[in-house]
Structures are given as structure tokens and as C-alpha cells.
Amino acid sequence: MLGTREIRVGRGEFGAALSVTIDDVALAAGVSIRTVSRVLNESPHVGAETRKAVLETIERLGYSPSTRARALASGRSFLIAMVQDDPNAHVIGALQRGIVEACSSHGYELVVRPVHFANPDIATDIENFVRRSRVDGLIVLPPTSEIAAIPERLTRLGVPSVGIASVSLPEYPCMLVSNERGATRALGQHLLELGHRRIAMVEGPAHFRSAQERKAGFLEGIGGSMPEAYLRQGDYGFDSGAAAAAALLSLDQPPTAIFAANDIMAAAVAKIARERGVSIPDQLSLAGFDGSDIASMITPALTTIRRPLVDMAQAVTERLLDMISGARTSWPHERIDLTLVHRQSVGPARN
């Protein structure tokens, strides 16, 4: 058994340990400072009994190593970056929450790096950011994750990266791919089963792969095509959804069902319908995409396609941390099926 020695630790006003150092932990646990450092950095080169004794001592003394000290001991920064260009706070908030939850259990901190998808030098800008910040790895979110030059640059730098997107890019050593085409296909089929034939769509930005996948799947679900007047361009923003809804509801033969390619645009459609006295779902069925908080906040509650954003973010973060630690160098790309959540905004066709 490992020997231990008692360390007297001062306590602050709220009971927090004061001035406990890694030397104190090593002395109390009867091991070397290097062994404590290895335990803190989750090194596999520590026996189970020793690891248990060190962790119990850390807890008993209330020792909390600084990120700087851990970085010096391991050669890592204990920072990972989330790269994003998405104005949808509901989506970004859920993804960030999942990443932070996974980071916290491994002693990592998250740096959020906003970028501009349309920037032609985006890959160079991210490379420069990585060199400056010395992050240990990156999680790249859609639509930025659709740019293959980014993982190519990161691989050349020797920096692990993971992506979340609606399509698989082989340049990433790890990706979670949400099956958006399959989900919208199922929604289109569901609307047909309910008797809808005048079906419209408010699509997302044409240059986003997510918008392309959602549109392609939905068209497949309703039989392959729709009248041009029923297909309206949006940009995932509220105003574009409202403009599309105003145009669709002004048609001589307005649609009996509308699919908006995200929940924000669907909320805008609901607003315009209400202003025009169009009852949902009696006169108009309405569905969205994302499964965000908005879907349950509006009245009637919105039928939507739910992406398990928090779970996806946690899973991709765990994979990135495994790559950083050297436990894995890559992961097979994994396809995530999405869920059609049935709520009150969709019903049978009545006209």
C-alpha cells in the first residue's frame, strides 16, 4: 500500500483550500510530483492503485491545479476551440452547452472563434488563430465545417479537428453527420399521407450544404418536385421567413402545408399566418427544422425535425479529446438519424 502523510491545509472564508500545491499532494500521497502530474493529465502510465490514491488525496486536500501549471507539465494548452458562423443563437447555444459539459469533465476550457463563411481567406485565418492561441484541437460547426480547406490546413499543422455537418467530408479525421436529407424526406411523405397536395417550402441559403440536403430530401418525400411558386428562398433568418410566407399566402391557390427549413423561419410563417387570419393547422399545416426551444414556445406548438444538438456536441468533443490525448488518431464518420417531432401545427388537409 502507498504511504500517506497528513498535510495541514488552511481554509478560506467559504471553506476553500488555500495554497495547496502539487508538492503537498505528492507528499500526502507518498508519490513523486511527476506521478501526480501524470494522474492529472490522465496518463495511461500510472497503476490503478496509485491513481486511486492520488485522486483521493487531491479530493481530500481540495487541490485544484491551474490550467497554466497543467499546460507546462503536459505541453498542452487545455484549450479547444469551437469555430462557428451561425447567427441562430438557439442552435449555437445548445451545441456550446454540450461541448462545455464534455470539456468540464476533462479539465478543458472552450474558446469560441467566430468566423465569416463567405471570407475567401477563412482557412488561412483559422490557421493563424490556431498558431496564436495554441489550442489543442478544434470543433468546426456548420456551415463552416463544409469548407474542406479547413481540416486540410489543420491536418498539416498536426492539430486534431472534428466536424459536425449534414454531409461527410473525408478531409476530417472525425465527423458527425446529421441525416438531414432522410429526415426531411420522412416529413414530406408524412404530409402526403395527411392528404396535402399544395405543399410549399421555405428553403435555406442555396450555398449551404444543409439547405441543399433539406431541400433534396423534402422534394424526394413529396414526389420529386413542386410548382415554382411554392418554393421560396430564405436565409434561415426571421425576416426571410416572413417575406416568403407573405408571398405564399398571397397566391390564388395558397399552400395547405409549408415546410420552413428551420424553426426561426417557421415562427415567421406562423406570425404572418396569424396576421392574415389563417388558422394553423385547420387551414395551414406548418413544420420547421432544428427542434429548438422556439418550436415549443409558439402557438400552436411547432412540428419540427429535432437534431440532438447537445448529445452530438458532447459526443464529438469526447472524440476530439481522445485524439488530443493520443488514444485515437481518427474516428469513422458517424451518421446521426434525426427525429420528426409531431406537435399541433400539422394536421390533415381540409381543402
Protein backbone atom coordinates (compact mmCIF):
# COMPACT_ATOMS: atom_id res chain seq x y z
CA MET A 1 0.00 0.00 0.00
CA LEU A 2 1.08 3.56 -0.58
CA GLY A 3 2.09 5.54 2.43
CA THR A 4 0.46 8.90 3.12
CA ARG A 5 1.37 11.87 5.25
CA GLU A 6 -1.00 14.37 6.78
CA ILE A 7 -0.93 17.89 5.35
CA ARG A 8 -2.46 20.76 7.28
CA VAL A 9 -4.41 22.97 4.92
CA GLY A 10 -5.68 26.43 5.71
CA ARG A 11 -9.27 27.24 4.86
CA GLY A 12 -10.69 30.42 3.47
CA GLU A 13 -13.89 32.16 4.47
CA PHE A 14 -16.04 29.76 2.45
CA GLY A 15 -14.14 26.59 3.30
CA ALA A 16 -11.95 26.54 0.18
CA ALA A 17 -8.46 25.10 0.46
CA LEU A 18 -5.69 27.72 0.48
CA SER A 19 -2.25 27.35 -1.08
CA VAL A 20 -2.39 23.60 -1.70
CA THR A 21 0.35 22.77 -4.19
CA ILE A 22 1.22 19.76 -6.28
CA ASP A 23 4.14 19.23 -3.86
CA ASP A 24 1.62 18.90 -0.99
CA VAL A 25 -0.42 16.33 -2.93
CA ALA A 26 2.69 14.30 -3.78
CA LEU A 27 3.87 14.36 -0.14
CA ALA A 28 0.48 13.36 1.26
CA ALA A 29 0.01 10.56 -1.27
CA GLY A 30 3.57 9.29 -0.90
CA VAL A 31 4.38 9.60 -4.60
CA SER A 32 6.52 11.82 -6.79
CA ILE A 33 5.39 15.14 -8.24
CA ARG A 34 5.75 13.59 -11.68
CA THR A 35 3.27 10.85 -10.76
CA VAL A 36 0.72 13.41 -9.59
CA SER A 37 1.21 15.30 -12.85
CA ARG A 38 0.62 12.11 -14.83
CA VAL A 39 -2.60 11.43 -12.93
CA LEU A 40 -3.80 14.99 -13.56
CA ASN A 41 -3.07 14.62 -17.25
CA GLU A 42 -4.80 11.22 -17.45
CA SER A 43 -1.64 9.42 -18.49
CA PRO A 44 -2.08 5.66 -19.00
CA HIS A 45 1.35 5.09 -17.39
CA VAL A 46 0.04 5.09 -13.81
CA GLY A 47 -1.18 1.99 -11.96
CA ALA A 48 -4.80 1.83 -10.88
CA GLU A 49 -3.98 1.73 -7.15
CA THR A 50 -1.63 4.68 -7.39
CA ARG A 51 -4.11 6.66 -9.46
CA LYS A 52 -6.86 5.99 -6.90
CA ALA A 53 -4.65 7.10 -4.01
CA VAL A 54 -3.62 10.31 -5.76
CA LEU A 55 -7.18 11.21 -6.74
CA GLU A 56 -8.41 10.60 -3.20
CA THR A 57 -5.65 12.83 -1.86
CA ILE A 58 -6.50 15.56 -4.36
CA GLU A 59 -10.12 15.46 -3.25
CA ARG A 60 -9.25 15.39 0.45
CA LEU A 61 -6.91 18.37 0.18
CA GLY A 62 -9.12 20.27 -2.22
CA TYR A 63 -6.29 20.70 -4.68
CA SER A 64 -7.19 22.39 -7.96
CA PRO A 65 -4.33 22.63 -10.46
CA SER A 66 -4.15 25.78 -12.54
CA THR A 67 -4.53 25.44 -16.27
CA ARG A 68 -1.14 27.10 -16.67
CA ALA A 69 0.54 24.53 -14.43
CA ARG A 70 -1.09 21.64 -16.25
CA ALA A 71 -0.07 23.12 -19.58
CA LEU A 72 3.55 23.44 -18.51
CA ALA A 73 3.60 19.87 -17.24
CA SER A 74 1.95 18.32 -20.31
CA GLY A 75 2.88 20.52 -23.24
CA ARG A 76 -0.81 21.17 -23.92
CA SER A 77 -2.86 24.34 -23.55
CA PHE A 78 -6.00 22.54 -22.28
CA LEU A 79 -7.99 24.75 -24.62
CA ILE A 80 -10.15 23.65 -27.52
CA ALA A 81 -11.85 25.98 -29.96
CA MET A 82 -15.38 25.99 -31.35
CA VAL A 83 -15.35 27.53 -34.83
CA GLN A 84 -18.73 28.84 -35.94
CA ASP A 85 -20.58 31.20 -38.25
CA ASP A 86 -24.23 30.68 -37.38
CA PRO A 87 -26.48 33.54 -36.22
CA ASN A 88 -29.00 31.08 -34.77
CA ALA A 89 -28.47 31.51 -31.04
CA HIS A 90 -30.75 28.57 -30.23
CA VAL A 91 -28.60 26.14 -32.22
CA ILE A 92 -25.25 27.60 -31.16
CA GLY A 93 -26.35 27.71 -27.51
CA ALA A 94 -27.26 24.02 -27.49
CA LEU A 95 -24.03 22.98 -29.20
CA GLN A 96 -21.90 25.11 -26.90
CA ARG A 97 -23.64 23.67 -23.84
CA GLY A 98 -22.82 20.13 -24.96
CA ILE A 99 -19.19 20.98 -25.67
CA VAL A 100 -18.70 22.71 -22.31
CA GLU A 101 -20.24 19.79 -20.42
CA ALA A 102 -17.81 17.38 -22.08
CA CYS A 103 -14.84 19.73 -21.58
CA SER A 104 -15.50 20.24 -17.88
CA SER A 105 -15.12 16.56 -17.03
CA HIS A 106 -11.66 16.53 -18.65
CA GLY A 107 -10.33 19.82 -17.29
CA TYR A 108 -10.54 21.60 -20.64
CA GLU A 109 -11.76 25.11 -21.42
CA LEU A 110 -13.60 26.26 -24.52
CA VAL A 111 -12.61 29.15 -26.77
CA VAL A 112 -15.31 30.36 -29.18
CA ARG A 113 -13.94 31.55 -32.52
CA PRO A 114 -16.48 33.37 -34.75
CA VAL A 115 -15.65 33.38 -38.46
CA HIS A 116 -17.27 34.53 -41.71
CA PHE A 117 -18.29 31.71 -44.04
CA ALA A 118 -18.01 33.96 -47.10
CA ASN A 119 -14.45 35.03 -46.30
CA PRO A 120 -12.22 33.63 -49.09
CA ASP A 121 -9.28 33.52 -46.66
CA ILE A 122 -11.17 31.70 -43.92
CA ALA A 123 -8.82 28.68 -43.85
CA THR A 124 -5.78 30.94 -43.50
CA ASP A 125 -7.48 32.98 -40.78
CA ILE A 126 -8.24 29.82 -38.79
CA GLU A 127 -4.67 28.58 -39.25
CA ASN A 128 -3.35 31.91 -37.91
CA PHE A 129 -5.76 31.71 -34.97
CA VAL A 130 -4.52 28.22 -34.09
CA ARG A 131 -0.90 29.37 -34.17
CA ARG A 132 -1.66 32.35 -31.91
CA SER A 133 -3.93 30.63 -29.42
CA ARG A 134 -2.13 27.26 -29.35
CA VAL A 135 -5.43 25.43 -28.85
CA ASP A 136 -5.12 21.66 -28.64
CA GLY A 137 -7.91 20.95 -31.13
CA LEU A 138 -10.92 22.39 -32.93
CA ILE A 139 -14.61 21.60 -33.30
CA VAL A 140 -15.89 23.08 -36.54
CA LEU A 141 -19.63 23.68 -36.82
CA PRO A 142 -21.82 24.08 -39.90
CA PRO A 143 -21.78 25.82 -42.27
CA THR A 144 -18.03 26.44 -41.74
CA SER A 145 -17.44 22.69 -41.46
CA GLU A 146 -18.44 22.37 -45.13
CA ILE A 147 -15.17 24.03 -46.24
CA ALA A 148 -12.67 21.22 -46.92
CA ALA A 149 -9.64 23.54 -46.85
CA ILE A 150 -10.04 23.99 -43.08
CA PRO A 151 -9.38 20.39 -41.98
CA GLU A 152 -6.70 20.12 -44.65
CA ARG A 153 -4.80 23.05 -43.07
CA LEU A 154 -5.30 21.71 -39.55
CA THR A 155 -4.03 18.26 -40.51
CA ARG A 156 -0.87 19.81 -41.96
CA LEU A 157 -0.40 21.69 -38.68
CA GLY A 158 -0.80 18.45 -36.72
CA VAL A 159 -3.81 19.84 -34.85
CA PRO A 160 -6.77 17.44 -34.34
CA SER A 161 -10.12 18.61 -35.69
CA VAL A 162 -13.66 17.28 -35.75
CA GLY A 163 -16.65 18.49 -37.71
CA ILE A 164 -20.43 18.45 -37.49
CA ALA A 165 -22.28 18.76 -40.79
CA SER A 166 -25.07 17.39 -42.97
CA VAL A 167 -22.57 15.77 -45.36
CA SER A 168 -19.38 13.80 -44.83
CA LEU A 169 -16.06 15.40 -45.80
CA PRO A 170 -13.16 12.90 -45.97
CA GLU A 171 -10.67 15.63 -45.03
CA TYR A 172 -11.83 15.44 -41.41
CA PRO A 173 -10.36 12.68 -39.22
CA CYS A 174 -13.72 12.63 -37.42
CA MET A 175 -17.21 13.87 -38.29
CA LEU A 176 -20.74 13.54 -37.02
CA VAL A 177 -23.10 13.74 -39.99
CA SER A 178 -26.74 14.58 -39.31
CA ASN A 179 -29.05 12.75 -41.71
CA GLU A 180 -30.99 15.84 -42.73
CA ARG A 181 -31.99 14.52 -46.14
CA GLY A 182 -33.55 11.41 -44.64
CA ALA A 183 -35.44 13.41 -42.02
CA THR A 184 -36.97 15.90 -44.46
CA ARG A 185 -37.88 13.04 -46.80
CA ALA A 186 -39.90 11.49 -43.98
CA LEU A 187 -41.61 14.84 -43.31
CA GLY A 188 -42.62 15.21 -46.96
CA GLN A 189 -44.05 11.70 -47.00
CA HIS A 190 -45.97 12.43 -43.80
CA LEU A 191 -47.61 15.50 -45.32
CA LEU A 192 -48.67 13.47 -48.36
CA GLU A 193 -50.16 10.82 -46.07
CA LEU A 194 -52.22 13.55 -44.41
CA GLY A 195 -53.74 14.44 -47.79
CA HIS A 196 -51.74 17.58 -48.57
CA ARG A 197 -51.05 18.25 -52.23
CA ARG A 198 -50.47 22.01 -52.27
CA ILE A 199 -47.19 21.82 -50.37
CA ALA A 200 -44.67 24.65 -50.20
CA MET A 201 -41.17 25.09 -48.82
CA VAL A 202 -39.13 27.99 -47.49
CA GLU A 203 -35.57 26.87 -48.16
CA GLY A 204 -32.30 27.97 -46.58
CA PRO A 205 -29.30 29.69 -48.23
CA ALA A 206 -28.65 27.93 -51.52
CA HIS A 207 -24.85 27.79 -50.96
CA PHE A 208 -25.19 25.93 -47.63
CA ARG A 209 -24.97 22.15 -47.89
CA SER A 210 -27.50 21.85 -45.05
CA ALA A 211 -30.06 23.80 -47.09
CA GLN A 212 -29.35 21.65 -50.15
CA GLU A 213 -29.77 18.43 -48.16
CA ARG A 214 -33.03 19.56 -46.53
CA LYS A 215 -34.48 20.66 -49.84
CA ALA A 216 -33.43 17.50 -51.69
CA GLY A 217 -34.89 15.21 -49.04
CA PHE A 218 -38.18 17.11 -48.84
CA LEU A 219 -38.66 17.08 -52.61
CA GLU A 220 -37.98 13.35 -52.63
CA GLY A 221 -40.60 12.90 -49.93
CA ILE A 222 -43.35 14.73 -51.81
CA GLY A 223 -42.67 13.04 -55.15
CA GLY A 224 -39.70 14.86 -56.64
CA SER A 225 -40.85 18.39 -57.45
CA MET A 226 -43.21 21.23 -56.60
CA PRO A 227 -44.57 24.23 -58.53
CA GLU A 228 -42.00 27.03 -58.72
CA ALA A 229 -44.38 29.41 -56.95
CA TYR A 230 -44.40 27.11 -53.92
CA LEU A 231 -40.61 27.12 -53.49
CA ARG A 232 -39.37 30.28 -51.78
CA GLN A 233 -35.82 31.29 -50.94
CA GLY A 234 -34.95 32.06 -47.35
CA ASP A 235 -31.72 32.64 -45.45
CA TYR A 236 -32.52 30.92 -42.11
CA GLY A 237 -33.48 34.36 -40.73
CA PHE A 238 -36.85 35.54 -39.42
CA ASP A 239 -37.35 38.32 -41.98
CA SER A 240 -36.77 35.99 -44.92
CA GLY A 241 -39.32 33.57 -43.49
CA ALA A 242 -41.87 36.36 -43.13
CA ALA A 243 -41.31 37.55 -46.71
CA ALA A 244 -41.69 34.01 -48.04
CA ALA A 245 -44.87 33.45 -46.04
CA ALA A 246 -46.40 36.70 -47.30
CA ALA A 247 -45.75 35.64 -50.89
CA LEU A 248 -47.07 32.12 -50.42
CA LEU A 249 -50.24 33.16 -48.61
CA SER A 250 -50.97 35.73 -51.33
CA LEU A 251 -51.18 33.10 -54.08
CA ASP A 252 -54.55 32.41 -55.73
CA GLN A 253 -54.06 28.80 -54.64
CA PRO A 254 -52.14 29.14 -51.36
CA PRO A 255 -50.48 26.02 -49.97
CA THR A 256 -52.19 23.88 -47.37
CA ALA A 257 -48.81 22.94 -45.89
CA ILE A 258 -45.49 24.76 -45.57
CA PHE A 259 -42.14 23.34 -44.53
CA ALA A 260 -39.69 26.02 -43.39
CA ALA A 261 -36.08 24.82 -43.35
CA ASN A 262 -35.51 25.99 -39.78
CA ASP A 263 -37.64 26.83 -36.75
CA ILE A 264 -36.90 30.56 -36.92
CA MET A 265 -38.36 30.85 -40.42
CA ALA A 266 -41.27 28.62 -39.38
CA ALA A 267 -42.02 31.02 -36.49
CA ALA A 268 -42.10 33.86 -39.03
CA VAL A 269 -44.57 31.91 -41.18
CA ALA A 270 -46.77 31.39 -38.10
CA LYS A 271 -46.71 35.13 -37.39
CA ILE A 272 -47.74 36.10 -40.91
CA ALA A 273 -50.45 33.43 -40.97
CA ARG A 274 -51.89 34.76 -37.72
CA GLU A 275 -51.86 38.34 -39.01
CA ARG A 276 -53.79 37.22 -42.09
CA GLY A 277 -56.32 35.18 -40.15
CA VAL A 278 -55.06 31.84 -41.48
CA SER A 279 -55.64 29.16 -38.84
CA ILE A 280 -52.88 26.66 -38.06
CA PRO A 281 -53.39 23.72 -38.57
CA ASP A 282 -57.02 23.98 -39.76
CA GLN A 283 -56.17 25.97 -42.87
CA LEU A 284 -52.39 25.63 -42.97
CA SER A 285 -50.09 22.92 -41.66
CA LEU A 286 -46.64 24.17 -40.71
CA ALA A 287 -43.39 22.36 -39.91
CA GLY A 288 -39.86 23.51 -39.08
CA PHE A 289 -36.41 22.09 -38.56
CA ASP A 290 -33.93 22.01 -35.63
CA GLY A 291 -36.11 21.07 -32.66
CA SER A 292 -35.09 24.33 -30.97
CA ASP A 293 -36.78 25.99 -28.00
CA ILE A 294 -38.77 28.12 -30.43
CA ALA A 295 -40.75 25.07 -31.56
CA SER A 296 -42.39 24.65 -28.16
CA MET A 297 -42.73 28.39 -27.44
CA ILE A 298 -45.02 29.37 -30.32
CA THR A 299 -48.75 28.59 -30.51
CA PRO A 300 -49.71 26.12 -31.76
CA ALA A 301 -46.57 24.17 -30.86
CA LEU A 302 -44.50 23.50 -33.94
CA THR A 303 -43.99 20.15 -35.61
CA THR A 304 -40.25 20.02 -36.26
CA ILE A 305 -37.30 17.81 -37.05
CA ARG A 306 -35.15 17.53 -33.96
CA ARG A 307 -31.38 17.39 -34.11
CA PRO A 308 -29.94 16.08 -30.80
CA LEU A 309 -27.55 19.03 -30.68
CA VAL A 310 -26.37 18.71 -27.07
CA ASP A 311 -25.73 14.97 -27.42
CA MET A 312 -23.96 15.46 -30.74
CA ALA A 313 -21.75 18.17 -29.29
CA GLN A 314 -20.83 16.03 -26.29
CA ALA A 315 -20.02 13.04 -28.50
CA VAL A 316 -17.85 14.97 -30.94
CA THR A 317 -16.00 16.66 -28.07
CA GLU A 318 -15.20 13.32 -26.44
CA ARG A 319 -13.81 12.11 -29.76
CA LEU A 320 -11.67 15.22 -30.13
CA LEU A 321 -10.27 14.82 -26.61
CA ASP A 322 -9.40 11.20 -27.37
CA MET A 323 -7.49 12.38 -30.43
CA ILE A 324 -5.69 15.06 -28.42
CA SER A 325 -4.66 12.54 -25.75
CA GLY A 326 -3.32 10.15 -28.39
CA ALA A 327 -5.85 7.43 -27.60
CA ARG A 328 -7.09 7.64 -31.20
CA THR A 329 -5.82 9.34 -34.35
CA SER A 330 -9.15 9.25 -36.17
CA TRP A 331 -12.73 8.03 -35.93
CA PRO A 332 -15.08 6.60 -38.55
CA HIS A 333 -17.54 9.25 -39.68
CA GLU A 334 -20.85 8.59 -37.95
CA ARG A 335 -24.32 9.31 -39.35
CA ILE A 336 -26.88 10.56 -36.85
CA ASP A 337 -30.57 9.97 -37.56
CA LEU A 338 -32.93 12.80 -36.67
CA THR A 339 -36.41 12.68 -35.13
CA LEU A 340 -39.66 14.06 -36.53
CA VAL A 341 -41.42 15.58 -33.51
CA HIS A 342 -45.19 15.69 -34.05
CA ARG A 343 -46.97 18.69 -32.50
CA GLN A 344 -50.15 20.67 -33.02
CA SER A 345 -49.08 22.72 -36.05
CA VAL A 346 -49.62 19.89 -38.55
CA GLY A 347 -52.93 18.23 -39.32
CA PRO A 348 -54.90 16.66 -42.19
CA ALA A 349 -55.56 18.66 -45.36
CA ARG A 350 -59.04 20.19 -45.28
CA ASN A 351 -59.27 21.92 -48.66
